[in-house]
N, C-alpha and C. Protein backbone atom coordinates (compact mmCIF):
# COMPACT_ATOMS: atom_id res chain seq x y z
N MET A 1 24.70 -152.81 -16.48
CA MET A 1 23.62 -152.40 -16.62
C MET A 1 23.88 -150.74 -16.74
N LEU A 2 23.13 -150.20 -17.95
CA LEU A 2 23.48 -148.52 -18.02
C LEU A 2 22.20 -147.47 -17.09
N THR A 3 22.47 -146.87 -16.39
CA THR A 3 21.96 -146.22 -15.48
C THR A 3 21.42 -144.58 -15.81
N ASN A 4 22.35 -144.03 -16.17
CA ASN A 4 22.00 -142.69 -16.55
C ASN A 4 23.44 -141.97 -17.53
N ILE A 5 22.90 -140.82 -17.98
CA ILE A 5 23.47 -140.34 -18.94
C ILE A 5 24.12 -138.89 -18.52
N HIS A 6 25.02 -138.55 -18.73
CA HIS A 6 25.42 -136.96 -18.31
C HIS A 6 26.28 -136.61 -19.73
N PRO A 7 25.48 -135.67 -20.35
CA PRO A 7 26.28 -134.91 -21.63
C PRO A 7 27.61 -134.08 -21.42
N LYS A 8 28.91 -134.40 -21.89
CA LYS A 8 29.67 -132.84 -22.01
C LYS A 8 29.44 -132.26 -23.42
N LEU A 9 29.80 -130.86 -22.86
CA LEU A 9 29.69 -129.79 -23.69
C LEU A 9 30.93 -128.82 -23.80
N PRO A 10 31.32 -128.62 -24.69
CA PRO A 10 32.54 -127.68 -24.65
C PRO A 10 31.68 -126.14 -24.06
N MET A 11 32.90 -125.28 -23.34
CA MET A 11 32.44 -124.36 -23.11
C MET A 11 33.93 -123.27 -23.42
N ARG A 12 33.64 -121.87 -23.98
CA ARG A 12 34.79 -121.37 -24.18
C ARG A 12 35.24 -120.19 -22.73
N ASP A 13 34.33 -120.21 -22.09
CA ASP A 13 34.75 -119.05 -20.85
C ASP A 13 33.57 -119.78 -19.85
N LYS A 14 34.06 -120.12 -18.90
CA LYS A 14 33.43 -121.10 -17.78
C LYS A 14 32.77 -119.83 -17.11
N ASN A 15 32.89 -118.71 -16.79
CA ASN A 15 32.04 -117.35 -16.04
C ASN A 15 30.81 -117.32 -16.73
N ARG A 16 30.99 -117.51 -18.13
CA ARG A 16 29.85 -116.98 -18.63
C ARG A 16 29.00 -118.25 -19.25
N THR A 17 29.26 -119.18 -18.85
CA THR A 17 28.70 -120.88 -18.85
C THR A 17 28.01 -120.93 -17.66
N LEU A 18 28.76 -120.42 -16.75
CA LEU A 18 27.86 -120.79 -15.18
C LEU A 18 26.75 -119.38 -15.30
N ASP A 19 27.55 -118.54 -15.58
CA ASP A 19 26.16 -117.28 -15.47
C ASP A 19 24.89 -118.14 -16.31
N PHE A 20 24.91 -117.88 -17.32
CA PHE A 20 23.71 -118.69 -17.87
C PHE A 20 23.34 -119.71 -17.63
N TYR A 21 23.43 -120.49 -17.38
CA TYR A 21 22.89 -121.97 -16.78
C TYR A 21 22.63 -121.72 -15.29
N ILE A 22 22.97 -121.17 -14.23
CA ILE A 22 23.03 -120.95 -13.03
C ILE A 22 21.87 -120.13 -12.74
N ASN A 23 22.24 -118.77 -13.29
CA ASN A 23 21.39 -117.50 -13.04
C ASN A 23 19.85 -117.10 -14.08
N LEU A 24 19.95 -117.99 -15.61
CA LEU A 24 18.88 -118.09 -16.40
C LEU A 24 18.51 -119.31 -16.35
N LEU A 25 19.20 -120.46 -16.51
CA LEU A 25 18.19 -121.79 -16.46
C LEU A 25 17.95 -122.08 -15.44
N LYS A 26 18.67 -121.92 -14.40
CA LYS A 26 18.36 -122.27 -12.52
C LYS A 26 19.19 -123.35 -12.15
N PHE A 27 20.21 -123.61 -12.75
CA PHE A 27 21.03 -125.14 -12.55
C PHE A 27 21.35 -124.76 -11.03
N GLN A 28 22.17 -125.86 -10.83
CA GLN A 28 22.79 -125.91 -9.28
C GLN A 28 24.20 -126.18 -10.10
N LEU A 29 25.51 -125.45 -9.35
CA LEU A 29 26.84 -125.72 -9.37
C LEU A 29 26.87 -127.23 -8.72
N LEU A 30 27.06 -128.38 -9.14
CA LEU A 30 27.74 -129.60 -8.05
C LEU A 30 29.10 -129.47 -8.10
N GLY A 31 30.35 -129.34 -9.45
CA GLY A 31 31.40 -129.38 -9.12
C GLY A 31 32.30 -128.09 -10.18
N ASP A 32 32.95 -127.93 -9.59
CA ASP A 32 34.07 -126.78 -10.34
C ASP A 32 35.64 -127.31 -10.16
N TYR A 33 35.85 -127.89 -11.37
CA TYR A 33 37.53 -128.52 -11.12
C TYR A 33 38.17 -127.64 -12.13
N SER A 34 38.63 -126.36 -12.29
CA SER A 34 39.18 -125.29 -13.12
C SER A 34 38.65 -125.40 -14.23
N ASP A 35 38.94 -126.04 -15.51
CA ASP A 35 38.56 -126.06 -16.63
C ASP A 35 37.37 -127.68 -17.05
N TYR A 36 37.04 -127.92 -16.04
CA TYR A 36 35.47 -128.58 -15.98
C TYR A 36 34.58 -128.40 -14.83
N VAL A 37 33.07 -128.38 -15.32
CA VAL A 37 32.30 -127.68 -14.24
C VAL A 37 31.36 -128.69 -14.38
N ILE A 38 30.24 -129.16 -13.33
CA ILE A 38 29.45 -130.14 -13.48
C ILE A 38 28.34 -129.30 -12.80
N LEU A 39 26.82 -129.12 -13.48
CA LEU A 39 25.78 -128.53 -13.39
C LEU A 39 24.47 -129.59 -13.25
N ARG A 40 23.74 -129.33 -12.67
CA ARG A 40 22.55 -129.89 -12.42
C ARG A 40 21.44 -129.40 -11.74
N LYS A 41 20.09 -129.57 -12.67
CA LYS A 41 19.08 -128.83 -11.98
C LYS A 41 17.92 -130.23 -12.50
N ASP A 42 17.51 -130.51 -11.32
CA ASP A 42 16.27 -131.62 -11.21
C ASP A 42 16.96 -133.11 -11.52
N ASN A 43 16.55 -134.07 -12.04
CA ASN A 43 17.42 -135.22 -12.26
C ASN A 43 18.26 -135.31 -13.74
N ILE A 44 19.01 -134.18 -13.84
CA ILE A 44 19.82 -134.07 -14.98
C ILE A 44 20.97 -133.34 -14.91
N GLU A 45 21.93 -134.00 -15.40
CA GLU A 45 23.42 -133.45 -14.99
C GLU A 45 23.66 -132.80 -16.50
N LEU A 46 24.42 -131.70 -16.47
CA LEU A 46 25.53 -131.59 -17.48
C LEU A 46 26.43 -131.11 -17.43
N HIS A 47 27.61 -131.73 -18.14
CA HIS A 47 29.18 -131.54 -17.92
C HIS A 47 29.97 -130.45 -18.88
N PHE A 48 30.96 -129.69 -18.37
CA PHE A 48 31.07 -128.37 -19.66
C PHE A 48 32.69 -128.91 -19.50
N PHE A 49 33.56 -128.77 -20.13
CA PHE A 49 34.77 -128.76 -20.52
C PHE A 49 35.41 -127.52 -21.25
N LEU A 50 36.63 -127.17 -20.64
CA LEU A 50 36.70 -125.70 -20.94
C LEU A 50 37.57 -126.36 -22.93
N PHE A 51 36.96 -125.14 -23.38
CA PHE A 51 37.79 -125.47 -24.72
C PHE A 51 37.99 -124.00 -25.51
N LYS A 52 38.74 -123.14 -25.33
CA LYS A 52 39.06 -122.22 -25.55
C LYS A 52 38.83 -121.24 -26.93
N ALA A 53 39.76 -122.62 -27.98
CA ALA A 53 39.88 -122.51 -29.29
C ALA A 53 38.23 -122.39 -29.95
N LEU A 54 37.42 -122.93 -29.45
CA LEU A 54 36.37 -123.18 -29.95
C LEU A 54 35.31 -122.16 -30.56
N ASP A 55 35.04 -122.30 -31.89
CA ASP A 55 34.52 -121.41 -32.73
C ASP A 55 33.16 -121.81 -32.72
N PRO A 56 32.28 -120.99 -31.98
CA PRO A 56 30.89 -121.14 -31.99
C PRO A 56 30.28 -121.58 -33.05
N LYS A 57 30.38 -121.06 -34.06
CA LYS A 57 29.75 -121.11 -35.52
C LYS A 57 30.07 -122.57 -36.25
N GLU A 58 31.27 -123.41 -35.56
CA GLU A 58 31.45 -125.01 -35.69
C GLU A 58 30.93 -125.65 -34.85
N ASN A 59 30.86 -125.43 -33.61
CA ASN A 59 30.00 -126.03 -32.82
C ASN A 59 28.70 -126.74 -32.93
N TYR A 60 28.64 -128.27 -32.93
CA TYR A 60 27.60 -128.97 -33.18
C TYR A 60 27.33 -129.61 -31.81
N GLY A 61 27.46 -129.09 -30.88
CA GLY A 61 27.08 -129.75 -29.48
C GLY A 61 25.34 -129.75 -29.25
N GLN A 62 25.23 -130.58 -28.83
CA GLN A 62 24.07 -130.82 -28.86
C GLN A 62 23.24 -131.85 -27.40
N VAL A 63 22.31 -131.37 -26.76
CA VAL A 63 21.69 -132.23 -26.18
C VAL A 63 19.91 -131.89 -26.10
N TYR A 64 19.73 -133.35 -26.05
CA TYR A 64 18.17 -133.61 -25.74
C TYR A 64 17.41 -133.93 -24.30
N ILE A 65 16.63 -132.87 -23.72
CA ILE A 65 16.48 -132.77 -22.48
C ILE A 65 14.60 -133.20 -22.65
N ARG A 66 14.71 -134.33 -21.65
CA ARG A 66 12.97 -134.47 -21.73
C ARG A 66 12.26 -133.99 -20.35
N THR A 67 11.23 -133.23 -20.29
CA THR A 67 10.66 -132.89 -19.24
C THR A 67 9.25 -133.40 -19.55
N ASN A 68 8.49 -132.82 -17.69
CA ASN A 68 7.31 -133.64 -17.89
C ASN A 68 6.28 -132.42 -17.58
N ASP A 69 6.72 -131.06 -18.16
CA ASP A 69 5.91 -129.63 -18.25
C ASP A 69 6.57 -128.70 -19.20
N ILE A 70 5.99 -129.77 -20.44
CA ILE A 70 7.10 -128.71 -21.47
C ILE A 70 6.37 -127.05 -21.70
N GLU A 71 5.61 -127.09 -21.21
CA GLU A 71 4.60 -125.70 -21.35
C GLU A 71 5.27 -124.74 -20.68
N GLY A 72 4.82 -125.61 -19.47
CA GLY A 72 4.98 -124.37 -18.02
C GLY A 72 6.93 -124.34 -18.26
N LEU A 73 7.76 -125.19 -19.05
CA LEU A 73 9.23 -124.91 -18.75
C LEU A 73 9.36 -123.22 -19.57
N PHE A 74 8.60 -123.86 -21.14
CA PHE A 74 8.64 -122.87 -22.06
C PHE A 74 8.34 -121.51 -21.91
N GLN A 75 7.10 -121.19 -20.98
CA GLN A 75 6.60 -120.01 -20.47
C GLN A 75 7.27 -119.45 -19.73
N SER A 76 8.42 -120.18 -18.97
CA SER A 76 9.05 -119.80 -17.38
C SER A 76 10.13 -118.90 -18.36
N TYR A 77 10.55 -119.79 -19.54
CA TYR A 77 12.23 -119.14 -19.97
C TYR A 77 11.48 -117.85 -20.85
N LEU A 78 10.46 -117.79 -21.69
CA LEU A 78 9.80 -116.41 -22.60
C LEU A 78 9.76 -115.67 -21.16
N ASN A 79 9.05 -115.81 -20.07
CA ASN A 79 8.90 -115.05 -18.72
C ASN A 79 10.34 -114.51 -18.48
N HIS A 80 11.19 -115.41 -18.60
CA HIS A 80 12.70 -114.78 -18.32
C HIS A 80 13.41 -114.19 -19.20
N LYS A 81 12.87 -113.87 -20.58
CA LYS A 81 13.29 -113.43 -21.51
C LYS A 81 14.68 -113.97 -22.19
N ILE A 82 15.00 -115.38 -21.51
CA ILE A 82 15.47 -116.34 -22.21
C ILE A 82 15.15 -116.82 -23.56
N PRO A 83 16.16 -116.29 -24.87
CA PRO A 83 16.42 -116.17 -25.94
C PRO A 83 15.77 -117.94 -26.64
N ILE A 84 14.64 -118.27 -27.20
CA ILE A 84 14.16 -119.54 -27.79
C ILE A 84 15.05 -119.20 -29.34
N HIS A 85 15.52 -120.25 -29.56
CA HIS A 85 16.22 -120.74 -31.20
C HIS A 85 14.87 -120.00 -32.03
N PRO A 86 15.93 -119.23 -33.37
CA PRO A 86 14.82 -119.20 -33.99
C PRO A 86 13.91 -119.85 -34.96
N ASN A 87 14.50 -121.32 -35.16
CA ASN A 87 14.10 -122.77 -35.40
C ASN A 87 13.30 -123.63 -34.70
N GLY A 88 13.36 -123.00 -33.49
CA GLY A 88 13.18 -123.97 -31.94
C GLY A 88 11.89 -123.64 -31.28
N HIS A 89 10.56 -122.95 -31.64
CA HIS A 89 9.43 -122.73 -31.26
C HIS A 89 9.09 -123.31 -30.82
N LEU A 90 8.12 -123.54 -29.99
CA LEU A 90 7.56 -124.86 -29.16
C LEU A 90 6.35 -125.34 -30.29
N GLU A 91 6.49 -126.64 -30.26
CA GLU A 91 5.51 -127.30 -31.58
C GLU A 91 5.70 -128.60 -31.42
N ILE A 92 4.58 -129.11 -31.44
CA ILE A 92 4.65 -130.82 -31.70
C ILE A 92 5.56 -131.54 -33.10
N LYS A 93 6.16 -131.89 -32.79
CA LYS A 93 7.02 -132.88 -34.28
C LYS A 93 6.19 -134.12 -34.25
N PRO A 94 6.59 -134.60 -35.96
CA PRO A 94 5.97 -135.61 -36.43
C PRO A 94 6.47 -136.94 -35.60
N TRP A 95 7.40 -136.81 -34.67
CA TRP A 95 7.69 -138.18 -34.06
C TRP A 95 6.92 -138.08 -32.23
N GLY A 96 6.15 -137.43 -32.49
CA GLY A 96 5.19 -137.35 -31.29
C GLY A 96 5.70 -136.68 -30.20
N GLN A 97 6.75 -135.77 -30.24
CA GLN A 97 7.26 -134.92 -28.93
C GLN A 97 6.74 -133.58 -29.36
N LYS A 98 6.39 -132.84 -28.05
CA LYS A 98 6.56 -131.32 -28.32
C LYS A 98 7.71 -130.88 -27.70
N GLU A 99 8.28 -129.99 -28.64
CA GLU A 99 9.72 -129.45 -28.16
C GLU A 99 9.79 -128.04 -28.59
N PHE A 100 11.02 -127.61 -27.92
CA PHE A 100 11.49 -126.06 -28.06
C PHE A 100 13.00 -126.13 -28.19
N ALA A 101 13.49 -125.60 -28.81
CA ALA A 101 14.98 -125.39 -28.08
C ALA A 101 15.58 -123.86 -28.00
N LEU A 102 17.08 -124.18 -27.29
CA LEU A 102 18.01 -122.72 -27.32
C LEU A 102 19.36 -122.86 -27.58
N LEU A 103 19.85 -121.97 -27.90
CA LEU A 103 21.62 -122.52 -27.66
C LEU A 103 21.98 -121.51 -26.63
N ASP A 104 22.76 -121.98 -26.23
CA ASP A 104 23.66 -121.34 -24.88
C ASP A 104 25.00 -120.84 -25.39
N PRO A 105 25.69 -119.90 -24.63
CA PRO A 105 26.50 -119.10 -24.86
C PRO A 105 27.40 -119.57 -26.05
N ASP A 106 27.80 -120.89 -26.23
CA ASP A 106 28.57 -121.24 -27.20
C ASP A 106 28.42 -121.97 -28.32
N ASN A 107 26.62 -121.86 -28.37
CA ASN A 107 26.22 -122.56 -29.38
C ASN A 107 26.01 -124.24 -29.48
N ASN A 108 26.00 -124.62 -27.77
CA ASN A 108 25.55 -125.78 -27.60
C ASN A 108 23.93 -125.83 -27.63
N LEU A 109 23.43 -126.67 -28.69
CA LEU A 109 21.70 -126.62 -28.76
C LEU A 109 21.18 -127.44 -27.99
N LEU A 110 20.39 -127.02 -27.09
CA LEU A 110 19.49 -127.69 -26.04
C LEU A 110 17.83 -127.80 -26.93
N THR A 111 17.82 -128.73 -26.53
CA THR A 111 16.10 -129.13 -26.85
C THR A 111 15.80 -129.87 -26.03
N PHE A 112 14.30 -129.13 -25.32
CA PHE A 112 13.57 -129.79 -24.17
C PHE A 112 12.38 -130.05 -25.08
N GLY A 113 11.76 -131.36 -24.17
CA GLY A 113 10.87 -132.21 -25.51
C GLY A 113 9.76 -132.89 -24.17
N GLN A 114 8.57 -133.64 -24.62
CA GLN A 114 7.85 -134.16 -23.84
C GLN A 114 7.09 -135.18 -24.65
N SER A 115 7.05 -136.09 -24.21
CA SER A 115 5.86 -136.81 -25.02
C SER A 115 4.72 -136.74 -25.32
N MET A 116 4.04 -136.73 -26.63
CA MET A 116 2.51 -136.43 -26.22
C MET A 116 1.56 -137.50 -25.64
N ASN A 117 2.33 -138.37 -25.88
CA ASN A 117 1.68 -139.80 -25.24
C ASN A 117 1.75 -139.87 -23.13
N GLU A 118 2.33 -138.86 -22.74
CA GLU A 118 2.24 -138.61 -21.32
C GLU A 118 1.11 -137.87 -20.87
């Protein structure tokens, strides 16, 4: 049986990635293994592997993160001046999700969503 998923995303600079996720998005560091880090917030984990040659313009890393308080999360990120993706402002999508998105320092797209049926 499948029980969980932990996306693995590329990072060019571990310190920059840790600063963004820990200091801005308020994740906690679970593990630091030189070229690999594990971060956690609430019930999700994100794993990052070092990829120094990554060209952010060619990075299509994406993760969809569900939340039960999309408006509160969105407002919190605005209050902390976390840049929202220019095409990812908070809106209801045709598939019944209220979503917004942002990019991390390596252009990994983080989309946050909440079902409108909750």
